[in-house]
């Protein structure tokens, strides 16, 4: 059991080192990908926030309509 934990740590360190080396070698391509992804992410996040807050406003309006139509029962 201890061997698998140590093996997992070694594999994790090796993968991190390979990732750092590749990031340094391919940095210009990495920046180009980020330039392409960031606008798309901003559009999707903005659309998601817009849909969420519009639905929140609609649900609050429906709740207030229900409160007005249902009299208090005591």
N, C-alpha and C. Protein backbone atom coordinates (compact mmCIF):
# COMPACT_ATOMS: atom_id res chain seq x y z
N UNK A 1 0.82 -1.18 0.00
CA UNK A 1 0.00 0.00 0.00
C UNK A 1 0.87 1.25 0.00
N UNK A 2 1.94 1.24 0.74
CA UNK A 2 2.84 2.38 0.81
C UNK A 2 3.55 2.59 -0.53
N UNK A 3 3.84 1.50 -1.23
CA UNK A 3 4.54 1.58 -2.51
C UNK A 3 3.68 2.31 -3.54
N UNK A 4 2.37 2.08 -3.53
CA UNK A 4 1.50 2.72 -4.51
C UNK A 4 1.42 4.23 -4.26
N UNK A 5 1.45 4.64 -2.99
CA UNK A 5 1.44 6.06 -2.68
C UNK A 5 2.72 6.74 -3.16
N UNK A 6 3.85 6.11 -2.91
CA UNK A 6 5.13 6.66 -3.34
C UNK A 6 5.19 6.69 -4.86
N UNK A 7 4.70 5.64 -5.52
CA UNK A 7 4.68 5.59 -6.97
C UNK A 7 3.80 6.71 -7.53
N UNK A 8 2.68 6.96 -6.89
CA UNK A 8 1.79 8.03 -7.33
C UNK A 8 2.46 9.40 -7.20
N UNK A 9 3.20 9.61 -6.12
CA UNK A 9 3.92 10.87 -5.93
C UNK A 9 4.99 11.04 -7.00
N UNK A 10 5.74 9.99 -7.27
CA UNK A 10 6.80 10.05 -8.29
C UNK A 10 6.20 10.35 -9.66
N UNK A 11 5.11 9.67 -10.01
CA UNK A 11 4.46 9.92 -11.31
C UNK A 11 3.95 11.36 -11.37
N UNK A 12 3.38 11.86 -10.27
CA UNK A 12 2.89 13.24 -10.24
C UNK A 12 4.00 14.25 -10.46
N UNK A 13 5.14 14.04 -9.81
CA UNK A 13 6.28 14.95 -9.97
C UNK A 13 6.81 14.90 -11.40
N UNK A 14 6.91 13.71 -11.98
CA UNK A 14 7.40 13.58 -13.35
C UNK A 14 6.46 14.29 -14.33
N UNK A 15 5.16 14.11 -14.14
CA UNK A 15 4.19 14.76 -15.03
C UNK A 15 4.26 16.28 -14.90
N UNK A 16 4.43 16.79 -13.68
CA UNK A 16 4.57 18.24 -13.48
C UNK A 16 5.82 18.76 -14.19
N UNK A 17 6.93 18.06 -14.07
CA UNK A 17 8.17 18.49 -14.71
C UNK A 17 8.02 18.48 -16.23
N UNK A 18 7.41 17.43 -16.78
CA UNK A 18 7.18 17.38 -18.23
C UNK A 18 6.27 18.52 -18.66
N UNK A 19 5.23 18.81 -17.87
CA UNK A 19 4.33 19.90 -18.19
C UNK A 19 5.03 21.25 -18.20
N UNK A 20 5.91 21.49 -17.23
CA UNK A 20 6.66 22.75 -17.18
C UNK A 20 7.59 22.87 -18.38
N UNK A 21 8.27 21.78 -18.73
CA UNK A 21 9.19 21.80 -19.88
C UNK A 21 8.42 22.09 -21.17
N UNK A 22 7.27 21.42 -21.35
CA UNK A 22 6.48 21.65 -22.56
C UNK A 22 5.89 23.05 -22.59
N UNK A 23 5.50 23.58 -21.43
CA UNK A 23 4.97 24.94 -21.40
C UNK A 23 6.05 25.94 -21.80
N UNK A 24 7.26 25.73 -21.36
CA UNK A 24 8.35 26.63 -21.74
C UNK A 24 8.65 26.51 -23.23
N UNK A 25 8.67 25.30 -23.76
CA UNK A 25 8.98 25.10 -25.18
C UNK A 25 7.87 25.62 -26.08
N UNK A 26 6.61 25.44 -25.67
CA UNK A 26 5.47 25.79 -26.51
C UNK A 26 4.76 27.05 -26.03
N UNK A 27 5.46 27.94 -25.33
CA UNK A 27 4.80 29.11 -24.76
C UNK A 27 4.09 29.98 -25.79
N UNK A 28 4.70 30.27 -26.96
CA UNK A 28 3.97 31.09 -27.94
C UNK A 28 2.66 30.45 -28.40
N UNK A 29 2.65 29.13 -28.58
CA UNK A 29 1.41 28.45 -28.96
C UNK A 29 0.40 28.47 -27.82
N UNK A 30 0.89 28.37 -26.59
CA UNK A 30 0.02 28.44 -25.42
C UNK A 30 -0.67 29.80 -25.34
N UNK A 31 0.08 30.86 -25.59
CA UNK A 31 -0.50 32.21 -25.57
C UNK A 31 -1.53 32.36 -26.69
N UNK A 32 -1.25 31.80 -27.85
CA UNK A 32 -2.19 31.89 -28.97
C UNK A 32 -3.50 31.17 -28.62
N UNK A 33 -3.40 30.03 -27.97
CA UNK A 33 -4.61 29.30 -27.57
C UNK A 33 -5.39 30.11 -26.55
N UNK A 34 -4.70 30.71 -25.59
CA UNK A 34 -5.39 31.55 -24.60
C UNK A 34 -6.10 32.73 -25.26
N UNK A 35 -5.45 33.33 -26.25
CA UNK A 35 -6.08 34.45 -26.96
C UNK A 35 -7.35 34.00 -27.66
N UNK A 36 -7.42 32.77 -28.08
CA UNK A 36 -8.61 32.26 -28.73
C UNK A 36 -9.68 31.79 -27.75
N UNK A 37 -9.26 31.29 -26.60
CA UNK A 37 -10.22 30.73 -25.64
C UNK A 37 -10.86 31.80 -24.77
N UNK A 38 -10.10 32.80 -24.36
CA UNK A 38 -10.61 33.79 -23.41
C UNK A 38 -11.85 34.51 -23.91
N UNK A 39 -11.91 35.01 -25.15
CA UNK A 39 -13.16 35.66 -25.59
C UNK A 39 -14.37 34.73 -25.59
N UNK A 40 -14.15 33.48 -26.00
CA UNK A 40 -15.26 32.51 -26.00
C UNK A 40 -15.73 32.25 -24.57
N UNK A 41 -14.80 32.10 -23.63
CA UNK A 41 -15.18 31.89 -22.24
C UNK A 41 -15.94 33.09 -21.69
N UNK A 42 -15.49 34.30 -22.01
CA UNK A 42 -16.19 35.49 -21.53
C UNK A 42 -17.61 35.55 -22.08
N UNK A 43 -17.79 35.21 -23.34
CA UNK A 43 -19.14 35.20 -23.94
C UNK A 43 -20.01 34.17 -23.23
N UNK A 44 -19.50 32.95 -23.02
CA UNK A 44 -20.28 31.91 -22.38
C UNK A 44 -20.60 32.23 -20.93
N UNK A 45 -19.63 32.77 -20.19
CA UNK A 45 -19.87 33.14 -18.80
C UNK A 45 -20.88 34.28 -18.71
N UNK A 46 -20.75 35.26 -19.59
CA UNK A 46 -21.71 36.37 -19.61
C UNK A 46 -23.11 35.90 -19.94
N UNK A 47 -23.24 35.02 -20.92
CA UNK A 47 -24.56 34.50 -21.29
C UNK A 47 -25.15 33.68 -20.14
N UNK A 48 -24.33 32.88 -19.48
CA UNK A 48 -24.81 32.10 -18.35
C UNK A 48 -25.27 32.99 -17.21
N UNK A 49 -24.52 34.03 -16.91
CA UNK A 49 -24.92 34.96 -15.84
C UNK A 49 -26.21 35.68 -16.22
N UNK A 50 -26.33 36.08 -17.47
CA UNK A 50 -27.54 36.76 -17.93
C UNK A 50 -28.76 35.85 -17.79
N UNK A 51 -28.64 34.62 -18.23
CA UNK A 51 -29.76 33.67 -18.13
C UNK A 51 -30.11 33.42 -16.66
N UNK A 52 -29.11 33.26 -15.82
CA UNK A 52 -29.34 32.99 -14.40
C UNK A 52 -30.09 34.15 -13.75
N UNK A 53 -29.61 35.38 -13.96
CA UNK A 53 -30.23 36.51 -13.28
C UNK A 53 -31.60 36.85 -13.85
N UNK A 54 -31.82 36.61 -15.13
CA UNK A 54 -33.15 36.81 -15.69
C UNK A 54 -34.12 35.81 -15.07
N UNK A 55 -33.70 34.56 -14.91
CA UNK A 55 -34.58 33.57 -14.30
C UNK A 55 -34.84 33.89 -12.83
N UNK A 56 -33.85 34.45 -12.13
CA UNK A 56 -34.05 34.86 -10.74
C UNK A 56 -35.10 35.97 -10.65
N UNK A 57 -35.03 36.94 -11.55
CA UNK A 57 -36.00 38.04 -11.56
C UNK A 57 -37.39 37.49 -11.84
N UNK A 58 -37.49 36.58 -12.81
CA UNK A 58 -38.79 35.99 -13.14
C UNK A 58 -39.37 35.23 -11.94
N UNK A 59 -38.55 34.46 -11.24
CA UNK A 59 -39.05 33.68 -10.11
C UNK A 59 -39.48 34.61 -8.98
N UNK A 60 -38.75 35.70 -8.75
CA UNK A 60 -39.15 36.65 -7.71
C UNK A 60 -40.47 37.33 -8.07
N UNK A 61 -40.66 37.64 -9.36
CA UNK A 61 -41.92 38.23 -9.78
C UNK A 61 -43.07 37.25 -9.60
N UNK A 62 -42.86 35.97 -9.90
CA UNK A 62 -43.90 34.96 -9.72
C UNK A 62 -44.23 34.78 -8.24
N UNK A 63 -43.23 34.81 -7.39
CA UNK A 63 -43.47 34.67 -5.95
C UNK A 63 -44.28 35.86 -5.43
N UNK A 64 -43.94 37.05 -5.89
CA UNK A 64 -44.68 38.23 -5.42
C UNK A 64 -46.12 38.20 -5.93
N UNK A 65 -46.36 37.68 -7.15
CA UNK A 65 -47.72 37.56 -7.67
C UNK A 65 -48.52 36.56 -6.84
N UNK A 66 -47.89 35.44 -6.46
CA UNK A 66 -48.56 34.42 -5.66
C UNK A 66 -48.90 34.96 -4.27
N UNK A 67 -48.02 35.77 -3.69
CA UNK A 67 -48.28 36.32 -2.37
C UNK A 67 -49.46 37.28 -2.41
N UNK A 68 -49.64 38.00 -3.51
CA UNK A 68 -50.74 38.95 -3.64
C UNK A 68 -52.07 38.24 -3.85
N UNK A 69 -52.07 37.12 -4.55
CA UNK A 69 -53.31 36.42 -4.88
C UNK A 69 -53.78 35.51 -3.75
N UNK A 70 -52.89 34.99 -2.93
CA UNK A 70 -53.27 34.08 -1.86
C UNK A 70 -53.46 34.89 -0.58
N UNK A 71 -54.69 34.96 -0.03
CA UNK A 71 -54.88 35.70 1.23
C UNK A 71 -54.31 34.91 2.40
N UNK A 72 -53.97 35.63 3.44
CA UNK A 72 -53.44 34.97 4.63
C UNK A 72 -54.51 34.15 5.30
N UNK A 73 -54.20 32.92 5.60
CA UNK A 73 -55.15 32.04 6.26
C UNK A 73 -54.77 31.91 7.73
N UNK A 74 -55.64 32.37 8.60
CA UNK A 74 -55.36 32.30 10.04
C UNK A 74 -56.45 31.63 10.78
